[in-house]
Amino acid sequence: LNRTSLLDGDGRASDWIEVHNPNLVPLDLGGYHLTDNSTELDRWTFPTGTIVAPGGYLVVFASGQPVDDYIDAGGNLHTNFALRSEGEFLALVAPGALTTVNEFAPRYPEQKEDTAYGPNGFFLEPTPGGPNEGAGVLGFVEDTAFSVDRGFYEQPIAVAITSDTSGARIYYTTDGTEPSPGNGM
């Protein structure tokens, strides 16, 4: 869910997919496909001559362009489908559209704004065009719920704070400092 992490060559913040070539030789993606539909494996095709350098990265914008071979003013490729923030099937498919090379099936997880997702989890600081930095996180804690609404109370009240995330620990402070396992209750 790209809002500000990367603008395409037309100045838009389209969602993006990154392909990494871990090999020591160039990778020719011409004829390979990207798809968000498990029954349409050839949904979008990389143009002939799409080369990823050894150890390199290629960003493709998933902007839902109606033209299959749209290239923006910055020379960036754009797919004819957009990504859903709630998650969906996504695959890189070999030429011939019979074999998936890599896939998120049945779907990749719900996406967070300006956070990258890959095989090693979520990355809070996206690095499009380069390697992910630091350790990824496996997921996010669901929001907290309070048993009593905020406000001013003249008598002491008991407040329960809960989260739908199993095993989550909630820390709080009453003095405005940032809560942590070593600071707060």
Protein backbone atom coordinates (compact mmCIF):
# COMPACT_ATOMS: atom_id res chain seq x y z
CA LEU A 1 0.00 0.00 0.00
CA ASN A 2 2.27 2.71 -1.35
CA ARG A 3 1.36 6.26 -0.38
CA THR A 4 4.72 8.06 -0.13
CA SER A 5 7.51 5.44 -0.23
CA LEU A 6 8.04 5.49 -4.02
CA LEU A 7 6.67 7.64 -6.85
CA ASP A 8 6.55 6.29 -10.39
CA GLY A 9 7.84 8.25 -13.38
CA ASP A 10 4.48 10.01 -13.71
CA GLY A 11 4.59 11.24 -10.10
CA ARG A 12 1.98 8.77 -8.82
CA ALA A 13 2.31 6.54 -5.75
CA SER A 14 1.23 3.27 -7.34
CA ASP A 15 1.76 0.01 -5.51
CA TRP A 16 4.84 -1.88 -6.64
CA ILE A 17 6.29 -5.36 -6.99
CA GLU A 18 10.01 -5.97 -6.81
CA VAL A 19 11.81 -8.82 -8.56
CA HIS A 20 15.30 -9.78 -7.33
CA ASN A 21 17.89 -11.67 -9.37
CA PRO A 22 20.06 -13.58 -6.85
CA ASN A 23 22.15 -15.12 -9.64
CA LEU A 24 25.65 -14.22 -10.81
CA VAL A 25 24.42 -13.81 -14.39
CA PRO A 26 21.84 -11.42 -15.88
CA LEU A 27 18.22 -12.58 -15.78
CA ASP A 28 16.08 -12.05 -18.89
CA LEU A 29 12.45 -11.72 -17.77
CA GLY A 30 11.13 -11.24 -21.32
CA GLY A 31 8.10 -13.54 -21.67
CA TYR A 32 7.68 -14.12 -17.92
CA HIS A 33 4.40 -13.05 -16.36
CA LEU A 34 3.07 -11.37 -13.23
CA THR A 35 -0.48 -12.13 -12.15
CA ASP A 36 -2.91 -11.56 -9.34
CA ASN A 37 -5.26 -14.25 -10.63
CA SER A 38 -4.51 -17.96 -10.13
CA THR A 39 -6.71 -18.86 -13.13
CA GLU A 40 -5.07 -16.32 -15.47
CA LEU A 41 -1.33 -16.96 -15.12
CA ASP A 42 -0.44 -14.80 -18.14
CA ARG A 43 -2.28 -11.69 -16.90
CA TRP A 44 0.68 -9.34 -17.54
CA THR A 45 3.83 -10.16 -19.52
CA PHE A 46 7.32 -8.69 -19.16
CA PRO A 47 8.40 -7.10 -22.45
CA THR A 48 11.18 -8.66 -24.50
CA GLY A 49 14.57 -7.44 -23.32
CA THR A 50 13.61 -6.92 -19.67
CA ILE A 51 16.96 -7.68 -18.03
CA VAL A 52 17.72 -7.75 -14.29
CA ALA A 53 21.44 -7.42 -13.56
CA PRO A 54 23.24 -10.04 -11.46
CA GLY A 55 22.26 -9.42 -7.84
CA GLY A 56 19.95 -6.65 -9.10
CA TYR A 57 16.39 -5.58 -8.44
CA LEU A 58 13.57 -4.53 -10.77
CA VAL A 59 10.57 -2.55 -9.58
CA VAL A 60 7.33 -2.96 -11.52
CA PHE A 61 4.42 -0.69 -10.63
CA ALA A 62 1.09 -2.47 -10.15
CA SER A 63 -1.02 0.47 -11.24
CA GLY A 64 -3.80 -1.25 -13.18
CA GLN A 65 -2.98 0.50 -16.46
CA PRO A 66 -5.45 -0.41 -19.22
CA VAL A 67 -2.52 -0.77 -21.67
CA ASP A 68 -0.56 -4.02 -21.21
CA ASP A 69 2.81 -2.54 -22.14
CA TYR A 70 2.59 0.84 -20.40
CA ILE A 71 5.95 2.44 -19.57
CA ASP A 72 5.82 5.72 -17.62
CA ALA A 73 7.82 8.90 -18.21
CA GLY A 74 10.64 7.53 -15.99
CA GLY A 75 10.94 4.30 -17.99
CA ASN A 76 9.16 2.15 -15.36
CA LEU A 77 7.03 -0.85 -16.27
CA HIS A 78 3.39 -0.93 -15.13
CA THR A 79 1.10 -3.96 -14.83
CA ASN A 80 -2.47 -4.04 -16.07
CA PHE A 81 -3.65 -4.96 -12.56
CA ALA A 82 -3.43 -3.24 -9.17
CA LEU A 83 -2.73 -4.86 -5.81
CA ARG A 84 -5.38 -5.21 -3.12
CA SER A 85 -4.38 -3.95 0.33
CA GLU A 86 -6.33 -6.76 2.01
CA GLY A 87 -4.18 -9.35 0.21
CA GLU A 88 -4.66 -11.59 -2.81
CA PHE A 89 -2.88 -14.19 -4.94
CA LEU A 90 0.33 -12.91 -6.56
CA ALA A 91 2.77 -14.85 -8.72
CA LEU A 92 5.76 -14.66 -11.03
CA VAL A 93 5.09 -17.17 -13.82
CA ALA A 94 7.51 -18.72 -16.32
CA PRO A 95 7.05 -18.23 -20.09
CA GLY A 96 4.25 -20.41 -21.37
CA ALA A 97 2.13 -19.56 -18.31
CA LEU A 98 2.16 -23.10 -16.93
CA THR A 99 4.69 -22.91 -14.08
CA THR A 100 4.79 -20.46 -11.19
CA VAL A 101 8.33 -19.46 -10.25
CA ASN A 102 7.31 -17.73 -7.03
CA GLU A 103 3.88 -17.14 -5.56
CA PHE A 104 2.00 -15.82 -2.58
CA ALA A 105 -0.84 -18.33 -2.33
CA PRO A 106 -3.56 -18.38 -1.45
CA ARG A 107 -2.75 -14.69 -0.85
CA TYR A 108 -0.21 -12.31 0.58
CA PRO A 109 -1.22 -10.85 3.95
CA GLU A 110 -3.02 -7.55 4.50
CA GLN A 111 -0.69 -4.69 3.65
CA LYS A 112 0.14 -1.67 5.76
CA GLU A 113 0.69 1.81 4.34
CA ASP A 114 4.27 2.44 3.13
CA THR A 115 5.50 -0.90 4.45
CA ALA A 116 7.15 -3.48 2.20
CA TYR A 117 6.34 -7.19 2.36
CA GLY A 118 8.51 -10.07 1.20
CA PRO A 119 9.38 -13.67 2.00
CA ASN A 120 11.01 -12.65 5.30
CA GLY A 121 8.11 -10.56 6.58
CA PHE A 122 7.23 -6.87 6.66
CA PHE A 123 9.83 -4.12 6.41
CA LEU A 124 8.93 -0.80 8.00
CA GLU A 125 11.32 1.14 5.75
CA PRO A 126 10.87 0.00 2.13
CA THR A 127 14.02 -0.13 0.00
CA PRO A 128 12.72 -0.37 -3.59
CA GLY A 129 15.50 -1.21 -6.03
CA GLY A 130 17.75 -2.56 -3.27
CA PRO A 131 18.00 -5.28 -0.64
CA ASN A 132 15.72 -5.23 2.39
CA GLU A 133 17.59 -3.85 5.35
CA GLY A 134 17.39 -5.25 8.86
CA ALA A 135 15.18 -8.04 10.08
CA GLY A 136 11.61 -8.12 8.91
CA VAL A 137 8.72 -8.35 11.33
CA LEU A 138 6.26 -11.22 11.00
CA GLY A 139 3.14 -9.14 11.49
CA PHE A 140 1.44 -6.37 13.36
CA VAL A 141 -0.43 -6.26 16.63
CA GLU A 142 -4.14 -5.57 16.29
CA ASP A 143 -5.35 -2.27 17.72
CA THR A 144 -6.17 -2.02 21.38
CA ALA A 145 -9.67 -1.72 22.80
CA PHE A 146 -10.54 0.05 26.06
CA SER A 147 -13.43 -1.03 28.28
CA VAL A 148 -14.14 2.61 29.19
CA ASP A 149 -14.11 5.61 26.84
CA ARG A 150 -11.55 8.32 27.44
CA GLY A 151 -12.72 11.31 29.42
CA PHE A 152 -12.65 12.92 32.83
CA TYR A 153 -13.94 10.94 35.79
CA GLU A 154 -14.47 12.19 39.35
CA GLN A 155 -14.25 8.73 40.91
CA PRO A 156 -11.65 6.00 40.35
CA ILE A 157 -12.49 3.63 37.49
CA ALA A 158 -11.17 0.24 36.38
CA VAL A 159 -10.10 0.05 32.75
CA ALA A 160 -9.38 -3.13 30.81
CA ILE A 161 -7.17 -2.85 27.71
CA THR A 162 -7.33 -5.75 25.24
CA SER A 163 -6.06 -6.73 21.79
CA ASP A 164 -7.30 -9.41 19.39
CA THR A 165 -3.67 -10.46 18.81
CA SER A 166 -3.07 -13.72 20.65
CA GLY A 167 -0.20 -13.49 23.13
CA ALA A 168 0.14 -9.71 22.88
CA ARG A 169 1.44 -7.88 25.94
CA ILE A 170 0.13 -4.40 26.62
CA TYR A 171 2.23 -1.84 28.48
CA TYR A 172 0.94 1.56 29.57
CA THR A 173 2.12 4.61 31.48
CA THR A 174 0.22 7.34 33.27
CA ASP A 175 2.89 10.03 33.05
CA GLY A 176 3.07 10.53 29.26
CA THR A 177 6.34 8.62 28.77
CA GLU A 178 6.62 5.92 26.13
CA PRO A 179 5.59 2.53 27.52
CA SER A 180 7.92 -0.47 27.18
CA PRO A 181 8.64 -3.69 29.07
CA GLY A 182 11.00 -1.68 31.30
CA ASN A 183 8.83 1.42 31.66
CA GLY A 184 5.22 1.30 32.72
CA MET A 185 2.73 -1.31 33.82
